[in-house]
Amino acid sequence: PISRIAFGSCIRQTEPMNFWGGIKASDPELFVFLGDNVYGDTRDMKKLQQTYDILGAETGFQQLREMAELRAVWDDHDYGENDAGAEYPMKKASQAIFLDFWQAPEKDPRRGREGTYTAEFFGPEDQRIQLICLDTRYFRSPLVKRGFKGKDVEGSTGPYTVNADPSTTILGEPQWVWLGEQ
């Protein structure tokens, strides 16, 4: 059975990565990368690939890959663009780069469908865990910009406001159906 699971996110591949020693010291059997695993922020797939290559060349990452099972889900920066959702035009190419980097097998269902959502069991049946990773980018409806500074009527701050369109989605219909099956 799996008894040590570690999680992490937000790896800026161009900055010092002094955290690998602490991660390795916890001796995880499974490490889940929770998104922003690199900061690509581009529509140029060669540049996005280069950001993954930088992470892949990092000694600490290579050592972690040797000692633990690695799984990953993406967020906006490793998807390809800050705050991007379904409107991101490079999402299919980005998905291929993501799956290749994380060494998804050729028969992995994510290679034949839209989105990177996945579920997997670890450990023997009587002591197993299920890891469900959702894709909150590929299908997500575009955000609504507020267009002014200050608080809006909903009390929110920041560049976006509430999207009142009832068809708005984060997961998309195919992923909701799949999640219900899980």
C-alpha atoms as a PDB file:
ATOM      1  CA  PRO A   1       0.000   0.000   0.000  1.00  0.00           C
ATOM      2  CA  ILE A   2       0.962   3.620  -0.548  1.00  0.00           C
ATOM      3  CA  SER A   3       1.673   5.363   2.752  1.00  0.00           C
ATOM      4  CA  ARG A   4       3.626   8.482   1.765  1.00  0.00           C
ATOM      5  CA  ILE A   5       2.143  10.904  -0.749  1.00  0.00           C
ATOM      6  CA  ALA A   6       3.573  14.351  -1.386  1.00  0.00           C
ATOM      7  CA  PHE A   7       2.131  17.232  -3.372  1.00  0.00           C
ATOM      8  CA  GLY A   8       3.625  20.340  -4.892  1.00  0.00           C
ATOM      9  CA  SER A   9       3.037  23.059  -7.449  1.00  0.00           C
ATOM     10  CA  CYS A  10       4.278  26.325  -8.915  1.00  0.00           C
ATOM     11  CA  ILE A  11       7.761  25.477 -10.166  1.00  0.00           C
ATOM     12  CA  ARG A  12       9.347  28.441 -11.881  1.00  0.00           C
ATOM     13  CA  GLN A  13      11.829  26.598 -14.056  1.00  0.00           C
ATOM     14  CA  THR A  14      14.036  29.678 -14.499  1.00  0.00           C
ATOM     15  CA  GLU A  15      14.580  30.203 -10.748  1.00  0.00           C
ATOM     16  CA  PRO A  16      16.660  28.168  -8.285  1.00  0.00           C
ATOM     17  CA  MET A  17      14.924  24.951  -7.254  1.00  0.00           C
ATOM     18  CA  ASN A  18      16.197  24.524  -3.717  1.00  0.00           C
ATOM     19  CA  PHE A  19      13.226  22.438  -2.614  1.00  0.00           C
ATOM     20  CA  TRP A  20      14.132  19.035  -4.075  1.00  0.00           C
ATOM     21  CA  GLY A  21      16.157  17.984  -1.032  1.00  0.00           C
ATOM     22  CA  GLY A  22      13.206  18.519   1.298  1.00  0.00           C
ATOM     23  CA  ILE A  23      10.909  16.587  -0.999  1.00  0.00           C
ATOM     24  CA  LYS A  24      13.349  13.692  -1.271  1.00  0.00           C
ATOM     25  CA  ALA A  25      13.863  13.680   2.515  1.00  0.00           C
ATOM     26  CA  SER A  26      10.156  12.926   2.949  1.00  0.00           C
ATOM     27  CA  ASP A  27      10.728   9.803   0.827  1.00  0.00           C
ATOM     28  CA  PRO A  28       7.410   9.929  -1.050  1.00  0.00           C
ATOM     29  CA  GLU A  29       6.142   6.860  -2.808  1.00  0.00           C
ATOM     30  CA  LEU A  30       3.828   9.011  -4.906  1.00  0.00           C
ATOM     31  CA  PHE A  31       4.333  12.664  -5.786  1.00  0.00           C
ATOM     32  CA  VAL A  32       1.488  14.634  -7.357  1.00  0.00           C
ATOM     33  CA  PHE A  33       2.327  17.821  -9.241  1.00  0.00           C
ATOM     34  CA  LEU A  34      -0.738  20.036  -8.831  1.00  0.00           C
ATOM     35  CA  GLY A  35      -0.243  22.514 -11.655  1.00  0.00           C
ATOM     36  CA  ASP A  36       1.922  25.399 -12.746  1.00  0.00           C
ATOM     37  CA  ASN A  37       4.566  22.697 -12.908  1.00  0.00           C
ATOM     38  CA  VAL A  38       6.356  24.974 -15.369  1.00  0.00           C
ATOM     39  CA  TYR A  39       5.645  28.537 -16.434  1.00  0.00           C
ATOM     40  CA  GLY A  40       5.275  28.365 -20.205  1.00  0.00           C
ATOM     41  CA  ASP A  41       2.782  31.147 -20.937  1.00  0.00           C
ATOM     42  CA  THR A  42       3.114  30.997 -24.705  1.00  0.00           C
ATOM     43  CA  ARG A  43       1.385  29.984 -27.900  1.00  0.00           C
ATOM     44  CA  ASP A  44       4.728  28.865 -29.311  1.00  0.00           C
ATOM     45  CA  MET A  45       4.864  25.125 -28.676  1.00  0.00           C
ATOM     46  CA  LYS A  46       8.638  25.023 -29.099  1.00  0.00           C
ATOM     47  CA  LYS A  47       8.958  27.474 -26.214  1.00  0.00           C
ATOM     48  CA  LEU A  48       6.481  25.492 -24.110  1.00  0.00           C
ATOM     49  CA  GLN A  49       8.481  22.330 -24.779  1.00  0.00           C
ATOM     50  CA  GLN A  50      11.646  24.158 -23.710  1.00  0.00           C
ATOM     51  CA  THR A  51      10.111  24.988 -20.325  1.00  0.00           C
ATOM     52  CA  TYR A  52       9.406  21.303 -19.753  1.00  0.00           C
ATOM     53  CA  ASP A  53      12.918  20.446 -20.948  1.00  0.00           C
ATOM     54  CA  ILE A  54      14.383  22.756 -18.299  1.00  0.00           C
ATOM     55  CA  LEU A  55      12.410  20.986 -15.571  1.00  0.00           C
ATOM     56  CA  GLY A  56      13.276  17.570 -17.000  1.00  0.00           C
ATOM     57  CA  ALA A  57      17.005  18.404 -16.944  1.00  0.00           C
ATOM     58  CA  GLU A  58      16.903  19.440 -13.279  1.00  0.00           C
ATOM     59  CA  THR A  59      18.873  16.900 -11.205  1.00  0.00           C
ATOM     60  CA  GLY A  60      16.437  17.029  -8.295  1.00  0.00           C
ATOM     61  CA  PHE A  61      13.499  16.334 -10.585  1.00  0.00           C
ATOM     62  CA  GLN A  62      15.336  13.419 -12.192  1.00  0.00           C
ATOM     63  CA  GLN A  63      16.100  11.940  -8.775  1.00  0.00           C
ATOM     64  CA  LEU A  64      12.475  12.295  -7.691  1.00  0.00           C
ATOM     65  CA  ARG A  65      11.348  10.597 -10.894  1.00  0.00           C
ATOM     66  CA  GLU A  66      13.618   7.653 -10.032  1.00  0.00           C
ATOM     67  CA  MET A  67      12.448   7.295  -6.418  1.00  0.00           C
ATOM     68  CA  ALA A  68       8.680   7.862  -6.646  1.00  0.00           C
ATOM     69  CA  GLU A  69       5.668   7.460  -8.885  1.00  0.00           C
ATOM     70  CA  LEU A  70       4.928  10.857 -10.432  1.00  0.00           C
ATOM     71  CA  ARG A  71       1.528  12.111 -11.497  1.00  0.00           C
ATOM     72  CA  ALA A  72       0.550  15.570 -12.664  1.00  0.00           C
ATOM     73  CA  VAL A  73      -2.354  17.825 -13.434  1.00  0.00           C
ATOM     74  CA  TRP A  74      -1.934  21.147 -15.163  1.00  0.00           C
ATOM     75  CA  ASP A  75      -2.991  24.663 -14.370  1.00  0.00           C
ATOM     76  CA  ASP A  76      -2.851  27.766 -16.538  1.00  0.00           C
ATOM     77  CA  HIS A  77       0.900  28.322 -16.827  1.00  0.00           C
ATOM     78  CA  ASP A  78       1.762  24.767 -17.877  1.00  0.00           C
ATOM     79  CA  TYR A  79      -1.410  24.653 -19.995  1.00  0.00           C
ATOM     80  CA  GLY A  80       0.127  27.527 -21.926  1.00  0.00           C
ATOM     81  CA  GLU A  81      -1.305  30.896 -20.983  1.00  0.00           C
ATOM     82  CA  ASN A  82      -2.143  32.835 -17.814  1.00  0.00           C
ATOM     83  CA  ASP A  83      -5.811  32.320 -16.839  1.00  0.00           C
ATOM     84  CA  ALA A  84      -6.528  30.451 -20.100  1.00  0.00           C
ATOM     85  CA  GLY A  85      -9.420  28.072 -20.562  1.00  0.00           C
ATOM     86  CA  ALA A  86     -11.259  26.521 -23.503  1.00  0.00           C
ATOM     87  CA  GLU A  87     -10.432  29.500 -25.714  1.00  0.00           C
ATOM     88  CA  TYR A  88      -6.680  28.726 -25.677  1.00  0.00           C
ATOM     89  CA  PRO A  89      -5.966  27.845 -29.333  1.00  0.00           C
ATOM     90  CA  MET A  90      -2.970  25.601 -28.608  1.00  0.00           C
ATOM     91  CA  LYS A  91      -4.660  23.279 -26.107  1.00  0.00           C
ATOM     92  CA  LYS A  92      -4.370  20.109 -28.219  1.00  0.00           C
ATOM     93  CA  ALA A  93      -0.674  20.619 -28.899  1.00  0.00           C
ATOM     94  CA  SER A  94      -0.114  21.572 -25.275  1.00  0.00           C
ATOM     95  CA  GLN A  95      -1.867  18.392 -24.132  1.00  0.00           C
ATOM     96  CA  ALA A  96       0.474  16.273 -26.279  1.00  0.00           C
ATOM     97  CA  ILE A  97       3.535  17.979 -24.789  1.00  0.00           C
ATOM     98  CA  PHE A  98       2.153  17.516 -21.270  1.00  0.00           C
ATOM     99  CA  LEU A  99       1.432  13.811 -21.761  1.00  0.00           C
ATOM    100  CA  ASP A 100       4.821  13.167 -23.353  1.00  0.00           C
ATOM    101  CA  PHE A 101       6.690  14.938 -20.563  1.00  0.00           C
ATOM    102  CA  TRP A 102       4.823  13.075 -17.822  1.00  0.00           C
ATOM    103  CA  GLN A 103       5.449   9.815 -19.693  1.00  0.00           C
ATOM    104  CA  ALA A 104       1.816   8.838 -20.159  1.00  0.00           C
ATOM    105  CA  PRO A 105       1.740   5.437 -21.863  1.00  0.00           C
ATOM    106  CA  GLU A 106       0.589   5.249 -25.476  1.00  0.00           C
ATOM    107  CA  LYS A 107      -2.600   3.446 -24.363  1.00  0.00           C
ATOM    108  CA  ASP A 108      -3.445   6.119 -21.774  1.00  0.00           C
ATOM    109  CA  PRO A 109      -7.050   7.291 -22.405  1.00  0.00           C
ATOM    110  CA  ARG A 110      -5.888  10.928 -22.302  1.00  0.00           C
ATOM    111  CA  ARG A 111      -4.053  10.393 -25.581  1.00  0.00           C
ATOM    112  CA  GLY A 112      -7.362   9.761 -27.346  1.00  0.00           C
ATOM    113  CA  ARG A 113      -9.622  12.371 -25.779  1.00  0.00           C
ATOM    114  CA  GLU A 114      -9.747  16.063 -25.061  1.00  0.00           C
ATOM    115  CA  GLY A 115      -8.469  17.094 -21.633  1.00  0.00           C
ATOM    116  CA  THR A 116      -5.930  15.688 -19.195  1.00  0.00           C
ATOM    117  CA  TYR A 117      -8.319  14.428 -16.504  1.00  0.00           C
ATOM    118  CA  THR A 118      -7.477  10.996 -15.174  1.00  0.00           C
ATOM    119  CA  ALA A 119      -8.017   8.586 -12.302  1.00  0.00           C
ATOM    120  CA  GLU A 120      -5.823   5.808 -11.032  1.00  0.00           C
ATOM    121  CA  PHE A 121      -5.786   3.316  -8.166  1.00  0.00           C
ATOM    122  CA  PHE A 122      -2.655   2.623  -6.128  1.00  0.00           C
ATOM    123  CA  GLY A 123      -2.005  -0.232  -3.731  1.00  0.00           C
ATOM    124  CA  PRO A 124      -3.669  -3.598  -3.127  1.00  0.00           C
ATOM    125  CA  GLU A 125      -7.458  -3.748  -3.380  1.00  0.00           C
ATOM    126  CA  ASP A 126      -8.057  -3.855   0.382  1.00  0.00           C
ATOM    127  CA  GLN A 127      -5.744  -0.875   1.018  1.00  0.00           C
ATOM    128  CA  ARG A 128      -5.901   1.120  -2.151  1.00  0.00           C
ATOM    129  CA  ILE A 129      -6.348   4.779  -2.820  1.00  0.00           C
ATOM    130  CA  GLN A 130      -7.833   6.424  -5.870  1.00  0.00           C
ATOM    131  CA  LEU A 131      -6.204   9.542  -7.230  1.00  0.00           C
ATOM    132  CA  ILE A 132      -8.562  11.651  -9.341  1.00  0.00           C
ATOM    133  CA  CYS A 133      -6.983  14.521 -11.264  1.00  0.00           C
ATOM    134  CA  LEU A 134      -9.389  16.991 -12.849  1.00  0.00           C
ATOM    135  CA  ASP A 135      -8.664  19.264 -15.777  1.00  0.00           C
ATOM    136  CA  THR A 136      -9.952  22.747 -14.933  1.00  0.00           C
ATOM    137  CA  ARG A 137      -8.517  24.371 -18.067  1.00  0.00           C
ATOM    138  CA  TYR A 138      -9.354  22.488 -21.261  1.00  0.00           C
ATOM    139  CA  PHE A 139     -13.146  22.946 -21.110  1.00  0.00           C
ATOM    140  CA  ARG A 140     -13.406  25.982 -18.823  1.00  0.00           C
ATOM    141  CA  SER A 141     -15.555  28.790 -20.151  1.00  0.00           C
ATOM    142  CA  PRO A 142     -13.763  32.084 -20.756  1.00  0.00           C
ATOM    143  CA  LEU A 143     -13.493  34.401 -17.781  1.00  0.00           C
ATOM    144  CA  VAL A 144     -15.396  37.684 -17.799  1.00  0.00           C
ATOM    145  CA  LYS A 145     -13.218  40.760 -17.396  1.00  0.00           C
ATOM    146  CA  ARG A 146     -14.591  43.426 -15.113  1.00  0.00           C
ATOM    147  CA  GLY A 147     -13.297  46.364 -17.115  1.00  0.00           C
ATOM    148  CA  PHE A 148     -12.956  48.662 -14.104  1.00  0.00           C
ATOM    149  CA  LYS A 149     -11.033  48.877 -10.863  1.00  0.00           C
ATOM    150  CA  GLY A 150     -12.493  48.417  -7.410  1.00  0.00           C
ATOM    151  CA  LYS A 151     -15.178  46.045  -6.158  1.00  0.00           C
ATOM    152  CA  ASP A 152     -18.066  44.961  -8.332  1.00  0.00           C
ATOM    153  CA  VAL A 153     -21.632  44.376  -7.162  1.00  0.00           C
ATOM    154  CA  GLU A 154     -20.751  40.837  -6.048  1.00  0.00           C
ATOM    155  CA  GLY A 155     -17.989  42.205  -3.824  1.00  0.00           C
ATOM    156  CA  SER A 156     -15.195  40.519  -5.750  1.00  0.00           C
ATOM    157  CA  THR A 157     -11.938  42.203  -6.605  1.00  0.00           C
ATOM    158  CA  GLY A 158      -9.382  41.484  -9.267  1.00  0.00           C
ATOM    159  CA  PRO A 159      -9.619  41.490 -13.038  1.00  0.00           C
ATOM    160  CA  TYR A 160     -12.637  39.163 -13.382  1.00  0.00           C
ATOM    161  CA  THR A 161     -16.271  39.204 -12.349  1.00  0.00           C
ATOM    162  CA  VAL A 162     -19.029  36.625 -11.971  1.00  0.00           C
ATOM    163  CA  ASN A 163     -20.124  34.926 -15.169  1.00  0.00           C
ATOM    164  CA  ALA A 164     -23.897  34.633 -14.900  1.00  0.00           C
ATOM    165  CA  ASP A 165     -24.291  32.604 -18.102  1.00  0.00           C
ATOM    166  CA  PRO A 166     -25.918  29.287 -17.030  1.00  0.00           C
ATOM    167  CA  SER A 167     -23.956  27.398 -19.704  1.00  0.00           C
ATOM    168  CA  THR A 168     -20.651  28.373 -18.070  1.00  0.00           C
ATOM    169  CA  THR A 169     -18.530  25.366 -17.149  1.00  0.00           C
ATOM    170  CA  ILE A 170     -15.235  24.522 -15.538  1.00  0.00           C
ATOM    171  CA  LEU A 171     -15.072  20.795 -16.251  1.00  0.00           C
ATOM    172  CA  GLY A 172     -17.152  20.470 -19.430  1.00  0.00           C
ATOM    173  CA  GLU A 173     -19.797  17.838 -20.079  1.00  0.00           C
ATOM    174  CA  PRO A 174     -17.460  14.943 -21.076  1.00  0.00           C
ATOM    175  CA  GLN A 175     -15.427  15.326 -17.890  1.00  0.00           C
ATOM    176  CA  TRP A 176     -18.556  15.587 -15.703  1.00  0.00           C
ATOM    177  CA  VAL A 177     -19.856  12.327 -17.178  1.00  0.00           C
ATOM    178  CA  TRP A 178     -16.484  10.663 -16.642  1.00  0.00           C
ATOM    179  CA  LEU A 179     -16.264  11.975 -13.053  1.00  0.00           C
ATOM    180  CA  GLY A 180     -19.700  10.549 -12.298  1.00  0.00           C
ATOM    181  CA  GLU A 181     -18.420   7.149 -13.434  1.00  0.00           C
ATOM    182  CA  GLN A 182     -15.427   7.390 -11.120  1.00  0.00           C
END
